[in-house]
Amino acid sequence: MAFDMYYKSGLMRKARCQIPDDLVSTLYQVHDNAQFPQLTWLIDNLYESPQISPDIAKALADEMLAVERLILSLHLPFPMLPLQKLQTFFLAAANKNEVVHTVSD
């Protein structure tokens, strides 16, 4: 089940992003890891359609980057492009001071 997110990007536009199923399983590998509290929160609330404030979006962007570095250091395969898109999405929302709205299938 995909997890869709968006934030306002102008008067009539929305920036959209999705967490695909294969990325959920990758993110779940760091669930309950003390280094990734916001990712743990996101995973725990994934299907409750949470709203993500700009400060949480910034923390998520930082944690996504840390996850990528961790996985690369372990030489494990992972869906790099979706992870980078997600990190960019959260960083843009934080920089624009926009709340991210979520919708789960």
C-alpha atoms as a PDB file:
ATOM      1  CA  MET A   1       0.000   0.000   0.000  1.00  0.00           C
ATOM      2  CA  ALA A   2       1.547   3.289  -1.101  1.00  0.00           C
ATOM      3  CA  PHE A   3       1.714   6.307   1.147  1.00  0.00           C
ATOM      4  CA  ASP A   4       1.048   9.642  -0.597  1.00  0.00           C
ATOM      5  CA  MET A   5       2.179  13.038   0.656  1.00  0.00           C
ATOM      6  CA  TYR A   6       1.828  16.616  -0.522  1.00  0.00           C
ATOM      7  CA  TYR A   7       2.342  20.223   0.520  1.00  0.00           C
ATOM      8  CA  LYS A   8       1.231  23.509  -1.003  1.00  0.00           C
ATOM      9  CA  SER A   9       3.652  24.790  -3.608  1.00  0.00           C
ATOM     10  CA  GLY A  10       1.980  28.002  -4.698  1.00  0.00           C
ATOM     11  CA  LEU A  11      -1.617  29.172  -4.858  1.00  0.00           C
ATOM     12  CA  MET A  12      -3.022  26.330  -6.924  1.00  0.00           C
ATOM     13  CA  ARG A  13      -0.179  23.783  -6.972  1.00  0.00           C
ATOM     14  CA  LYS A  14       0.874  20.974  -4.713  1.00  0.00           C
ATOM     15  CA  ALA A  15       4.223  19.233  -4.506  1.00  0.00           C
ATOM     16  CA  ARG A  16       3.618  15.498  -4.260  1.00  0.00           C
ATOM     17  CA  CYS A  17       5.669  12.501  -3.196  1.00  0.00           C
ATOM     18  CA  GLN A  18       5.001   8.864  -2.437  1.00  0.00           C
ATOM     19  CA  ILE A  19       6.626   6.259  -0.232  1.00  0.00           C
ATOM     20  CA  PRO A  20       6.520   3.081  -2.322  1.00  0.00           C
ATOM     21  CA  ASP A  21       6.186  -0.319  -0.672  1.00  0.00           C
ATOM     22  CA  ASP A  22       9.807  -1.298  -1.330  1.00  0.00           C
ATOM     23  CA  LEU A  23      10.995   1.827   0.468  1.00  0.00           C
ATOM     24  CA  VAL A  24       8.744   1.122   3.474  1.00  0.00           C
ATOM     25  CA  SER A  25      10.514  -2.187   3.989  1.00  0.00           C
ATOM     26  CA  THR A  26      13.900  -0.430   3.746  1.00  0.00           C
ATOM     27  CA  LEU A  27      12.848   2.229   6.255  1.00  0.00           C
ATOM     28  CA  TYR A  28      11.493  -0.413   8.594  1.00  0.00           C
ATOM     29  CA  GLN A  29      15.058  -1.695   9.022  1.00  0.00           C
ATOM     30  CA  VAL A  30      15.831   1.366  11.173  1.00  0.00           C
ATOM     31  CA  HIS A  31      12.547   1.194  13.114  1.00  0.00           C
ATOM     32  CA  ASP A  32      13.092   1.669  16.848  1.00  0.00           C
ATOM     33  CA  ASN A  33      16.693   2.738  16.269  1.00  0.00           C
ATOM     34  CA  ALA A  34      17.492   5.606  18.661  1.00  0.00           C
ATOM     35  CA  GLN A  35      19.345   7.427  15.862  1.00  0.00           C
ATOM     36  CA  PHE A  36      16.148   7.671  13.814  1.00  0.00           C
ATOM     37  CA  PRO A  37      13.312   8.826  16.106  1.00  0.00           C
ATOM     38  CA  GLN A  38      11.365  10.699  13.412  1.00  0.00           C
ATOM     39  CA  LEU A  39      11.519   7.804  10.952  1.00  0.00           C
ATOM     40  CA  THR A  40      10.312   5.497  13.713  1.00  0.00           C
ATOM     41  CA  TRP A  41       7.429   7.911  14.372  1.00  0.00           C
ATOM     42  CA  LEU A  42       6.598   8.067  10.651  1.00  0.00           C
ATOM     43  CA  ILE A  43       6.626   4.276  10.326  1.00  0.00           C
ATOM     44  CA  ASP A  44       4.452   3.887  13.429  1.00  0.00           C
ATOM     45  CA  ASN A  45       1.922   6.414  12.088  1.00  0.00           C
ATOM     46  CA  LEU A  46       2.203   5.640   8.388  1.00  0.00           C
ATOM     47  CA  TYR A  47      -1.393   4.582   7.872  1.00  0.00           C
ATOM     48  CA  GLU A  48      -2.998   7.088  10.225  1.00  0.00           C
ATOM     49  CA  SER A  49      -2.551   9.963   7.729  1.00  0.00           C
ATOM     50  CA  PRO A  50      -0.425  12.179  10.001  1.00  0.00           C
ATOM     51  CA  GLN A  51       0.403  15.800   9.236  1.00  0.00           C
ATOM     52  CA  ILE A  52       4.115  16.565   9.275  1.00  0.00           C
ATOM     53  CA  SER A  53       5.211  19.986  10.495  1.00  0.00           C
ATOM     54  CA  PRO A  54       8.161  21.762   8.855  1.00  0.00           C
ATOM     55  CA  ASP A  55      10.509  21.019  11.770  1.00  0.00           C
ATOM     56  CA  ILE A  56       9.648  17.311  11.638  1.00  0.00           C
ATOM     57  CA  ALA A  57      10.063  17.369   7.835  1.00  0.00           C
ATOM     58  CA  LYS A  58      13.575  18.797   8.312  1.00  0.00           C
ATOM     59  CA  ALA A  59      14.425  16.114  10.858  1.00  0.00           C
ATOM     60  CA  LEU A  60      13.063  13.440   8.497  1.00  0.00           C
ATOM     61  CA  ALA A  61      15.197  14.799   5.644  1.00  0.00           C
ATOM     62  CA  ASP A  62      18.276  14.639   7.874  1.00  0.00           C
ATOM     63  CA  GLU A  63      17.445  11.115   9.020  1.00  0.00           C
ATOM     64  CA  MET A  64      16.851   9.967   5.409  1.00  0.00           C
ATOM     65  CA  LEU A  65      20.342  11.145   4.544  1.00  0.00           C
ATOM     66  CA  ALA A  66      21.747   9.309   7.565  1.00  0.00           C
ATOM     67  CA  VAL A  67      19.896   6.121   6.538  1.00  0.00           C
ATOM     68  CA  GLU A  68      21.365   6.361   3.049  1.00  0.00           C
ATOM     69  CA  ARG A  69      24.876   6.766   4.464  1.00  0.00           C
ATOM     70  CA  LEU A  70      24.355   3.844   6.826  1.00  0.00           C
ATOM     71  CA  ILE A  71      23.106   1.519   4.091  1.00  0.00           C
ATOM     72  CA  LEU A  72      25.898   2.567   1.725  1.00  0.00           C
ATOM     73  CA  SER A  73      28.510   1.939   4.442  1.00  0.00           C
ATOM     74  CA  LEU A  74      27.159  -1.589   4.862  1.00  0.00           C
ATOM     75  CA  HIS A  75      27.183  -2.166   1.085  1.00  0.00           C
ATOM     76  CA  LEU A  76      23.557  -3.271   1.130  1.00  0.00           C
ATOM     77  CA  PRO A  77      21.180  -2.909  -1.814  1.00  0.00           C
ATOM     78  CA  PHE A  78      18.337  -0.426  -1.384  1.00  0.00           C
ATOM     79  CA  PRO A  79      16.022   1.729  -3.505  1.00  0.00           C
ATOM     80  CA  MET A  80      18.358   4.757  -3.650  1.00  0.00           C
ATOM     81  CA  LEU A  81      16.350   6.985  -5.997  1.00  0.00           C
ATOM     82  CA  PRO A  82      13.062   6.806  -4.015  1.00  0.00           C
ATOM     83  CA  LEU A  83      14.977   7.490  -0.793  1.00  0.00           C
ATOM     84  CA  GLN A  84      16.685  10.533  -2.336  1.00  0.00           C
ATOM     85  CA  LYS A  85      13.377  11.833  -3.743  1.00  0.00           C
ATOM     86  CA  LEU A  86      11.806  11.512  -0.322  1.00  0.00           C
ATOM     87  CA  GLN A  87      14.708  13.321   1.331  1.00  0.00           C
ATOM     88  CA  THR A  88      14.464  16.139  -1.238  1.00  0.00           C
ATOM     89  CA  PHE A  89      10.688  16.371  -0.746  1.00  0.00           C
ATOM     90  CA  PHE A  90      10.957  16.692   3.052  1.00  0.00           C
ATOM     91  CA  LEU A  91      13.796  19.211   2.785  1.00  0.00           C
ATOM     92  CA  ALA A  92      11.814  21.367   0.332  1.00  0.00           C
ATOM     93  CA  ALA A  93       8.746  21.308   2.595  1.00  0.00           C
ATOM     94  CA  ALA A  94      10.880  22.340   5.563  1.00  0.00           C
ATOM     95  CA  ASN A  95      12.617  25.117   3.615  1.00  0.00           C
ATOM     96  CA  LYS A  96       9.257  26.479   2.414  1.00  0.00           C
ATOM     97  CA  ASN A  97       7.851  26.139   5.943  1.00  0.00           C
ATOM     98  CA  GLU A  98       4.955  24.014   4.664  1.00  0.00           C
ATOM     99  CA  VAL A  99       3.021  21.316   6.493  1.00  0.00           C
ATOM    100  CA  VAL A 100       3.109  17.962   4.729  1.00  0.00           C
ATOM    101  CA  HIS A 101      -0.293  16.302   4.458  1.00  0.00           C
ATOM    102  CA  THR A 102      -0.480  12.533   4.073  1.00  0.00           C
ATOM    103  CA  VAL A 103      -2.952  10.054   2.649  1.00  0.00           C
ATOM    104  CA  SER A 104      -2.623   6.300   2.990  1.00  0.00           C
ATOM    105  CA  ASP A 105      -4.314   3.763   0.721  1.00  0.00           C
END
